Amino acid sequence: MNDERKIEIEEVTAVEPPPRARLTPEPSLAENFARKRDYLAGFLAAEKPEPDRSGPGGDLQEAVIEALKSIYDPEIPVNIYELGLIYDVAVDADGDAIVQMTLTTPNCPVAESMPGEVEMRVLSVPGIRDAEVKLVWEPAWDPSKMSDEARLELGML
């Protein structure tokens, strides 16, 4: 008895990425959640006017950059924007933001949590519809990427 089975093969040139998940915590859970050091105090409660959507260099992009300046590296007392970890912030006319960032080293202790915090802060900006954080390693971060304010804070000037 010859019981041959044939497997059909379909050639695919591209696959669409799956939809990105969004987490919306229940208010009762958020109220009961306590952190030792609350980096989010005040920024979630504050209501800000919706900035103009005027593309690159516009008010919405500036609002995203200001939100990023409120995130501090846990090991260095400097915000991630001044530290030079943010390589690019792009906001389109629909309010979709793409942040290209790196970390000081691939073995950074916040490598898993920092991109998520960045995404959450960007999404908190009024007028931002969606946010995507792209973690890149090229070009590698080095101290020359820090702003003068960061160097002054760290005593490097």
N, C-alpha and C. Protein backbone atom coordinates (compact mmCIF):
# COMPACT_ATOMS: atom_id res chain seq x y z
N MET A 1 0.83 -1.18 0.00
CA MET A 1 0.00 0.00 0.00
C MET A 1 0.88 1.25 0.00
N ASN A 2 0.74 2.09 -0.97
CA ASN A 2 1.54 3.29 -1.11
C ASN A 2 0.71 4.49 -0.69
N ASP A 3 0.98 4.98 0.53
CA ASP A 3 0.20 6.08 1.09
C ASP A 3 1.05 7.35 1.07
N GLU A 4 1.20 7.95 -0.10
CA GLU A 4 2.02 9.15 -0.23
C GLU A 4 1.22 10.39 0.16
N ARG A 5 1.90 11.24 0.88
CA ARG A 5 1.28 12.51 1.25
C ARG A 5 2.11 13.63 0.65
N LYS A 6 1.44 14.56 0.08
CA LYS A 6 2.13 15.69 -0.53
C LYS A 6 1.88 16.94 0.30
N ILE A 7 2.93 17.68 0.44
CA ILE A 7 2.85 18.94 1.18
C ILE A 7 2.85 20.07 0.16
N GLU A 8 1.84 20.90 0.25
CA GLU A 8 1.76 22.04 -0.65
C GLU A 8 2.61 23.16 -0.08
N ILE A 9 3.34 23.80 -0.95
CA ILE A 9 4.23 24.89 -0.54
C ILE A 9 3.78 26.16 -1.24
N GLU A 10 3.67 27.23 -0.45
CA GLU A 10 3.30 28.53 -1.01
C GLU A 10 4.46 29.48 -0.76
N GLU A 11 4.92 30.12 -1.81
CA GLU A 11 6.04 31.04 -1.68
C GLU A 11 5.51 32.42 -1.29
N VAL A 12 6.11 33.00 -0.25
CA VAL A 12 5.68 34.30 0.27
C VAL A 12 6.85 35.27 0.18
N THR A 13 6.57 36.47 -0.30
CA THR A 13 7.65 37.46 -0.43
C THR A 13 7.72 38.39 0.77
N ALA A 14 6.60 38.60 1.44
CA ALA A 14 6.60 39.50 2.61
C ALA A 14 5.47 39.11 3.55
N VAL A 15 5.69 39.39 4.81
CA VAL A 15 4.69 39.11 5.83
C VAL A 15 4.46 40.41 6.59
N GLU A 16 3.19 40.76 6.77
CA GLU A 16 2.88 41.98 7.52
C GLU A 16 3.15 41.75 9.00
N PRO A 17 3.74 42.75 9.67
CA PRO A 17 4.00 42.58 11.11
C PRO A 17 2.68 42.51 11.87
N PRO A 18 2.67 41.81 12.97
CA PRO A 18 1.43 41.71 13.76
C PRO A 18 1.11 43.06 14.40
N PRO A 19 -0.15 43.30 14.75
CA PRO A 19 -0.49 44.56 15.40
C PRO A 19 0.20 44.67 16.74
N ARG A 20 0.57 45.91 17.12
CA ARG A 20 1.25 46.13 18.39
C ARG A 20 0.22 46.18 19.51
N ALA A 21 0.55 45.55 20.60
CA ALA A 21 -0.36 45.51 21.75
C ALA A 21 -0.26 46.80 22.54
N ARG A 22 -1.35 47.20 23.09
CA ARG A 22 -1.41 48.36 23.96
C ARG A 22 -1.99 47.92 25.30
N LEU A 23 -1.36 48.34 26.37
CA LEU A 23 -1.79 47.97 27.70
C LEU A 23 -2.48 49.17 28.34
N THR A 24 -3.71 48.99 28.78
CA THR A 24 -4.43 50.03 29.47
C THR A 24 -4.80 49.49 30.85
N PRO A 25 -4.05 49.90 31.89
CA PRO A 25 -4.33 49.37 33.22
C PRO A 25 -5.66 49.90 33.76
N GLU A 26 -6.30 49.11 34.58
CA GLU A 26 -7.53 49.54 35.23
C GLU A 26 -7.18 50.59 36.27
N PRO A 27 -8.03 51.61 36.45
CA PRO A 27 -7.70 52.69 37.40
C PRO A 27 -7.44 52.18 38.82
N SER A 28 -8.18 51.18 39.26
CA SER A 28 -7.98 50.70 40.63
C SER A 28 -6.59 50.08 40.79
N LEU A 29 -6.11 49.40 39.75
CA LEU A 29 -4.78 48.80 39.82
C LEU A 29 -3.71 49.88 39.80
N ALA A 30 -3.90 50.91 38.99
CA ALA A 30 -2.91 51.98 38.90
C ALA A 30 -2.80 52.73 40.22
N GLU A 31 -3.93 52.91 40.93
CA GLU A 31 -3.89 53.62 42.21
C GLU A 31 -3.15 52.83 43.27
N ASN A 32 -3.28 51.51 43.23
CA ASN A 32 -2.65 50.67 44.24
C ASN A 32 -1.19 50.38 43.94
N PHE A 33 -0.75 50.67 42.74
CA PHE A 33 0.63 50.38 42.35
C PHE A 33 1.55 51.45 42.90
N ALA A 34 2.52 51.06 43.69
CA ALA A 34 3.45 52.03 44.26
C ALA A 34 4.87 51.65 43.90
N ARG A 35 5.68 52.65 43.57
CA ARG A 35 7.08 52.42 43.27
C ARG A 35 7.92 53.14 44.30
N LYS A 36 9.13 52.65 44.54
CA LYS A 36 10.01 53.27 45.51
C LYS A 36 10.31 54.71 45.12
N ARG A 37 10.61 54.92 43.86
CA ARG A 37 10.89 56.26 43.38
C ARG A 37 9.99 56.51 42.18
N ASP A 38 9.05 57.37 42.32
CA ASP A 38 8.05 57.54 41.28
C ASP A 38 8.51 58.58 40.25
N TYR A 39 8.97 58.09 39.12
CA TYR A 39 9.41 58.97 38.05
C TYR A 39 8.22 59.59 37.31
N LEU A 40 7.04 59.02 37.53
CA LEU A 40 5.87 59.46 36.78
C LEU A 40 5.03 60.48 37.54
N ALA A 41 5.41 60.81 38.76
CA ALA A 41 4.60 61.71 39.58
C ALA A 41 4.37 63.03 38.85
N GLY A 42 3.15 63.41 38.79
CA GLY A 42 2.80 64.70 38.22
C GLY A 42 2.60 64.69 36.72
N PHE A 43 3.40 63.95 35.99
CA PHE A 43 3.29 64.07 34.53
C PHE A 43 2.03 63.39 34.01
N LEU A 44 1.56 62.33 34.65
CA LEU A 44 0.32 61.69 34.21
C LEU A 44 -0.89 62.51 34.62
N ALA A 45 -0.82 63.17 35.77
CA ALA A 45 -1.95 63.94 36.28
C ALA A 45 -2.09 65.28 35.58
N ALA A 46 -1.02 65.82 35.07
CA ALA A 46 -1.06 67.15 34.46
C ALA A 46 -1.79 67.12 33.13
N GLU A 47 -2.65 68.10 32.95
CA GLU A 47 -3.34 68.24 31.68
C GLU A 47 -2.67 69.36 30.91
N LYS A 48 -2.21 69.03 29.73
CA LYS A 48 -1.50 70.01 28.92
C LYS A 48 -2.34 70.33 27.69
N PRO A 49 -2.26 71.54 27.20
CA PRO A 49 -2.99 71.87 25.98
C PRO A 49 -2.40 71.09 24.81
N GLU A 50 -3.26 70.75 23.87
CA GLU A 50 -2.79 69.99 22.71
C GLU A 50 -1.97 70.89 21.80
N PRO A 51 -0.70 70.50 21.53
CA PRO A 51 0.16 71.33 20.68
C PRO A 51 -0.24 71.24 19.20
N ASP A 52 0.23 72.23 18.42
CA ASP A 52 -0.02 72.23 16.99
C ASP A 52 0.70 71.06 16.35
N ARG A 53 0.11 70.52 15.30
CA ARG A 53 0.74 69.41 14.57
C ARG A 53 1.41 69.99 13.33
N SER A 54 2.55 70.59 13.50
CA SER A 54 3.18 71.25 12.37
C SER A 54 4.43 70.53 11.88
N GLY A 55 4.54 69.21 12.09
CA GLY A 55 5.62 68.43 11.53
C GLY A 55 6.96 68.63 12.23
N PRO A 56 8.05 68.32 11.53
CA PRO A 56 9.39 68.41 12.12
C PRO A 56 9.68 69.81 12.64
N GLY A 57 10.19 69.86 13.86
CA GLY A 57 10.50 71.14 14.47
C GLY A 57 9.29 71.87 15.01
N GLY A 58 8.12 71.24 14.90
CA GLY A 58 6.90 71.87 15.36
C GLY A 58 6.66 71.68 16.84
N ASP A 59 5.54 72.22 17.29
CA ASP A 59 5.20 72.17 18.71
C ASP A 59 5.03 70.75 19.22
N LEU A 60 4.45 69.88 18.40
CA LEU A 60 4.23 68.50 18.84
C LEU A 60 5.56 67.76 19.03
N GLN A 61 6.48 67.95 18.11
CA GLN A 61 7.79 67.33 18.24
C GLN A 61 8.52 67.89 19.47
N GLU A 62 8.42 69.18 19.70
CA GLU A 62 9.04 69.79 20.88
C GLU A 62 8.41 69.26 22.17
N ALA A 63 7.11 69.02 22.14
CA ALA A 63 6.44 68.47 23.32
C ALA A 63 6.93 67.05 23.62
N VAL A 64 7.18 66.27 22.56
CA VAL A 64 7.72 64.92 22.74
C VAL A 64 9.12 65.00 23.33
N ILE A 65 9.94 65.91 22.83
CA ILE A 65 11.30 66.07 23.36
C ILE A 65 11.26 66.48 24.82
N GLU A 66 10.35 67.37 25.18
CA GLU A 66 10.22 67.78 26.59
C GLU A 66 9.82 66.59 27.45
N ALA A 67 8.94 65.73 26.94
CA ALA A 67 8.55 64.52 27.69
C ALA A 67 9.76 63.60 27.87
N LEU A 68 10.59 63.49 26.85
CA LEU A 68 11.78 62.64 26.95
C LEU A 68 12.80 63.21 27.94
N LYS A 69 12.83 64.52 28.07
CA LYS A 69 13.75 65.15 29.02
C LYS A 69 13.34 64.88 30.46
N SER A 70 12.15 64.33 30.67
CA SER A 70 11.71 64.02 32.04
C SER A 70 12.11 62.60 32.46
N ILE A 71 12.77 61.86 31.57
CA ILE A 71 13.21 60.49 31.88
C ILE A 71 14.71 60.54 32.22
N TYR A 72 15.04 60.07 33.40
CA TYR A 72 16.43 60.11 33.84
C TYR A 72 17.03 58.72 33.83
N ASP A 73 18.30 58.65 33.46
CA ASP A 73 19.06 57.41 33.55
C ASP A 73 19.17 57.07 35.04
N PRO A 74 18.86 55.84 35.44
CA PRO A 74 18.88 55.51 36.87
C PRO A 74 20.28 55.53 37.49
N GLU A 75 21.32 55.42 36.68
CA GLU A 75 22.68 55.40 37.22
C GLU A 75 23.39 56.74 37.12
N ILE A 76 22.89 57.61 36.24
CA ILE A 76 23.53 58.90 36.01
C ILE A 76 22.45 59.97 36.20
N PRO A 77 22.71 61.02 36.98
CA PRO A 77 21.68 62.03 37.25
C PRO A 77 21.45 63.00 36.10
N VAL A 78 21.29 62.49 34.90
CA VAL A 78 21.08 63.31 33.71
C VAL A 78 19.95 62.68 32.90
N ASN A 79 19.09 63.51 32.29
CA ASN A 79 18.00 62.95 31.49
C ASN A 79 18.54 62.32 30.21
N ILE A 80 17.78 61.39 29.66
CA ILE A 80 18.27 60.61 28.52
C ILE A 80 18.45 61.44 27.25
N TYR A 81 17.73 62.55 27.14
CA TYR A 81 17.88 63.40 25.96
C TYR A 81 19.22 64.14 26.01
N GLU A 82 19.52 64.75 27.15
CA GLU A 82 20.78 65.47 27.30
C GLU A 82 21.97 64.51 27.32
N LEU A 83 21.74 63.28 27.75
CA LEU A 83 22.79 62.27 27.78
C LEU A 83 23.16 61.82 26.36
N GLY A 84 22.31 62.14 25.39
CA GLY A 84 22.59 61.79 23.99
C GLY A 84 22.10 60.41 23.61
N LEU A 85 21.17 59.85 24.39
CA LEU A 85 20.65 58.52 24.07
C LEU A 85 19.55 58.57 23.02
N ILE A 86 18.96 59.74 22.81
CA ILE A 86 17.91 59.89 21.80
C ILE A 86 18.57 60.39 20.52
N TYR A 87 18.51 59.56 19.48
CA TYR A 87 19.13 59.92 18.21
C TYR A 87 18.19 60.70 17.30
N ASP A 88 16.89 60.37 17.34
CA ASP A 88 15.96 61.04 16.43
C ASP A 88 14.55 60.97 16.99
N VAL A 89 13.78 62.03 16.79
CA VAL A 89 12.37 62.08 17.14
C VAL A 89 11.64 62.57 15.89
N ALA A 90 10.78 61.72 15.35
CA ALA A 90 10.02 62.09 14.16
C ALA A 90 8.53 61.98 14.48
N VAL A 91 7.78 63.03 14.14
CA VAL A 91 6.34 63.04 14.35
C VAL A 91 5.69 63.42 13.03
N ASP A 92 4.77 62.57 12.54
CA ASP A 92 4.12 62.89 11.28
C ASP A 92 2.83 63.68 11.52
N ALA A 93 2.17 64.05 10.45
CA ALA A 93 0.98 64.89 10.53
C ALA A 93 -0.18 64.20 11.25
N ASP A 94 -0.18 62.88 11.30
CA ASP A 94 -1.24 62.13 11.98
C ASP A 94 -1.00 62.00 13.48
N GLY A 95 0.15 62.44 13.95
CA GLY A 95 0.46 62.32 15.37
C GLY A 95 1.15 61.02 15.73
N ASP A 96 1.70 60.34 14.74
CA ASP A 96 2.46 59.11 14.99
C ASP A 96 3.93 59.48 15.20
N ALA A 97 4.50 59.02 16.31
CA ALA A 97 5.88 59.37 16.65
C ALA A 97 6.78 58.15 16.56
N ILE A 98 7.98 58.35 16.04
CA ILE A 98 9.01 57.32 16.01
C ILE A 98 10.23 57.90 16.69
N VAL A 99 10.68 57.22 17.76
CA VAL A 99 11.85 57.66 18.51
C VAL A 99 12.95 56.64 18.29
N GLN A 100 14.07 57.11 17.79
CA GLN A 100 15.23 56.25 17.61
C GLN A 100 16.19 56.54 18.75
N MET A 101 16.53 55.51 19.52
CA MET A 101 17.37 55.71 20.69
C MET A 101 18.36 54.58 20.86
N THR A 102 19.32 54.79 21.75
CA THR A 102 20.28 53.76 22.10
C THR A 102 20.43 53.76 23.62
N LEU A 103 21.29 52.94 24.12
CA LEU A 103 21.62 52.90 25.54
C LEU A 103 23.13 53.05 25.66
N THR A 104 23.61 53.34 26.85
CA THR A 104 25.05 53.54 27.02
C THR A 104 25.83 52.29 26.66
N THR A 105 25.28 51.11 26.99
CA THR A 105 25.90 49.83 26.60
C THR A 105 24.78 48.82 26.36
N PRO A 106 25.04 47.79 25.56
CA PRO A 106 24.02 46.75 25.37
C PRO A 106 23.69 46.01 26.67
N ASN A 107 24.61 46.01 27.62
CA ASN A 107 24.38 45.32 28.89
C ASN A 107 23.79 46.24 29.95
N CYS A 108 23.26 47.38 29.55
CA CYS A 108 22.68 48.35 30.47
C CYS A 108 21.56 47.67 31.27
N PRO A 109 21.52 47.89 32.59
CA PRO A 109 20.51 47.23 33.42
C PRO A 109 19.06 47.60 33.05
N VAL A 110 18.86 48.73 32.37
CA VAL A 110 17.49 49.12 32.00
C VAL A 110 17.20 48.84 30.53
N ALA A 111 17.98 47.96 29.91
CA ALA A 111 17.80 47.67 28.48
C ALA A 111 16.41 47.15 28.16
N GLU A 112 15.80 46.44 29.08
CA GLU A 112 14.46 45.91 28.83
C GLU A 112 13.36 46.90 29.18
N SER A 113 13.58 47.73 30.19
CA SER A 113 12.50 48.62 30.65
C SER A 113 12.53 50.02 30.04
N MET A 114 13.69 50.53 29.71
CA MET A 114 13.80 51.91 29.22
C MET A 114 13.00 52.17 27.93
N PRO A 115 13.10 51.33 26.90
CA PRO A 115 12.29 51.61 25.70
C PRO A 115 10.80 51.64 25.98
N GLY A 116 10.32 50.80 26.88
CA GLY A 116 8.90 50.82 27.24
C GLY A 116 8.52 52.10 27.95
N GLU A 117 9.39 52.58 28.82
CA GLU A 117 9.11 53.84 29.51
C GLU A 117 9.12 55.01 28.53
N VAL A 118 10.05 54.98 27.58
CA VAL A 118 10.10 56.03 26.57
C VAL A 118 8.81 56.04 25.76
N GLU A 119 8.36 54.85 25.34
CA GLU A 119 7.12 54.76 24.57
C GLU A 119 5.94 55.30 25.37
N MET A 120 5.86 54.95 26.63
CA MET A 120 4.76 55.40 27.47
C MET A 120 4.77 56.92 27.63
N ARG A 121 5.94 57.49 27.83
CA ARG A 121 6.03 58.96 27.97
C ARG A 121 5.63 59.66 26.68
N VAL A 122 6.07 59.12 25.55
CA VAL A 122 5.71 59.74 24.27
C VAL A 122 4.21 59.65 24.05
N LEU A 123 3.61 58.51 24.37
CA LEU A 123 2.16 58.35 24.21
C LEU A 123 1.37 59.27 25.14
N SER A 124 1.98 59.74 26.21
CA SER A 124 1.29 60.62 27.15
C SER A 124 1.19 62.06 26.64
N VAL A 125 1.91 62.39 25.60
CA VAL A 125 1.90 63.75 25.05
C VAL A 125 0.59 63.96 24.30
N PRO A 126 -0.18 64.99 24.66
CA PRO A 126 -1.43 65.27 23.94
C PRO A 126 -1.17 65.50 22.46
N GLY A 127 -1.93 64.82 21.62
CA GLY A 127 -1.75 64.95 20.18
C GLY A 127 -1.01 63.78 19.56
N ILE A 128 -0.37 62.96 20.38
CA ILE A 128 0.33 61.77 19.86
C ILE A 128 -0.67 60.62 19.79
N ARG A 129 -0.84 60.07 18.60
CA ARG A 129 -1.77 58.97 18.40
C ARG A 129 -1.11 57.62 18.64
N ASP A 130 0.13 57.46 18.19
CA ASP A 130 0.85 56.20 18.35
C ASP A 130 2.34 56.52 18.49
N ALA A 131 3.05 55.63 19.17
CA ALA A 131 4.48 55.84 19.36
C ALA A 131 5.21 54.52 19.15
N GLU A 132 6.36 54.61 18.53
CA GLU A 132 7.21 53.44 18.32
C GLU A 132 8.63 53.83 18.72
N VAL A 133 9.26 52.97 19.50
CA VAL A 133 10.64 53.22 19.93
C VAL A 133 11.52 52.19 19.23
N LYS A 134 12.51 52.68 18.52
CA LYS A 134 13.46 51.80 17.84
C LYS A 134 14.78 51.88 18.59
N LEU A 135 15.18 50.76 19.17
CA LEU A 135 16.43 50.69 19.90
C LEU A 135 17.53 50.29 18.92
N VAL A 136 18.53 51.14 18.77
CA VAL A 136 19.61 50.89 17.81
C VAL A 136 20.95 50.88 18.54
N TRP A 137 21.91 50.22 17.94
CA TRP A 137 23.26 50.15 18.53
C TRP A 137 24.31 50.79 17.65
N GLU A 138 23.93 51.20 16.45
CA GLU A 138 24.84 51.88 15.53
C GLU A 138 24.27 53.23 15.19
N PRO A 139 24.94 54.30 15.35
CA PRO A 139 26.28 54.39 15.91
C PRO A 139 26.24 54.17 17.43
N ALA A 140 27.31 53.59 17.91
CA ALA A 140 27.41 53.31 19.34
C ALA A 140 27.47 54.62 20.13
N TRP A 141 26.86 54.60 21.33
CA TRP A 141 26.89 55.78 22.18
C TRP A 141 28.29 55.97 22.74
N ASP A 142 28.71 57.21 22.86
CA ASP A 142 29.95 57.55 23.57
C ASP A 142 29.75 58.92 24.21
N PRO A 143 30.59 59.28 25.17
CA PRO A 143 30.39 60.54 25.90
C PRO A 143 30.35 61.80 25.03
N SER A 144 30.86 61.73 23.81
CA SER A 144 30.83 62.91 22.95
C SER A 144 29.41 63.27 22.52
N LYS A 145 28.46 62.36 22.68
CA LYS A 145 27.07 62.62 22.30
C LYS A 145 26.31 63.41 23.37
N MET A 146 26.91 63.59 24.54
CA MET A 146 26.24 64.33 25.62
C MET A 146 26.22 65.82 25.31
N SER A 147 25.18 66.48 25.80
CA SER A 147 25.10 67.93 25.65
C SER A 147 26.05 68.59 26.65
N ASP A 148 26.29 69.88 26.46
CA ASP A 148 27.14 70.61 27.40
C ASP A 148 26.53 70.64 28.80
N GLU A 149 25.18 70.70 28.87
CA GLU A 149 24.51 70.69 30.17
C GLU A 149 24.79 69.39 30.90
N ALA A 150 24.76 68.26 30.18
CA ALA A 150 25.02 66.96 30.79
C ALA A 150 26.47 66.88 31.26
N ARG A 151 27.40 67.37 30.45
CA ARG A 151 28.82 67.35 30.84
C ARG A 151 29.07 68.20 32.07
N LEU A 152 28.39 69.34 32.13
CA LEU A 152 28.53 70.22 33.28
C LEU A 152 27.99 69.52 34.54
N GLU A 153 26.85 68.87 34.42
CA GLU A 153 26.24 68.16 35.53
C GLU A 153 27.14 67.05 36.05
N LEU A 154 27.84 66.39 35.14
CA LEU A 154 28.71 65.28 35.52
C LEU A 154 30.15 65.71 35.81
N GLY A 155 30.41 67.01 35.77
CA GLY A 155 31.75 67.51 36.07
C GLY A 155 32.77 67.19 35.00
N MET A 156 32.33 67.11 33.75
CA MET A 156 33.24 66.78 32.65
C MET A 156 33.67 68.01 31.86
N LEU A 157 33.25 69.20 32.27
CA LEU A 157 33.65 70.43 31.57
C LEU A 157 34.67 71.20 32.35
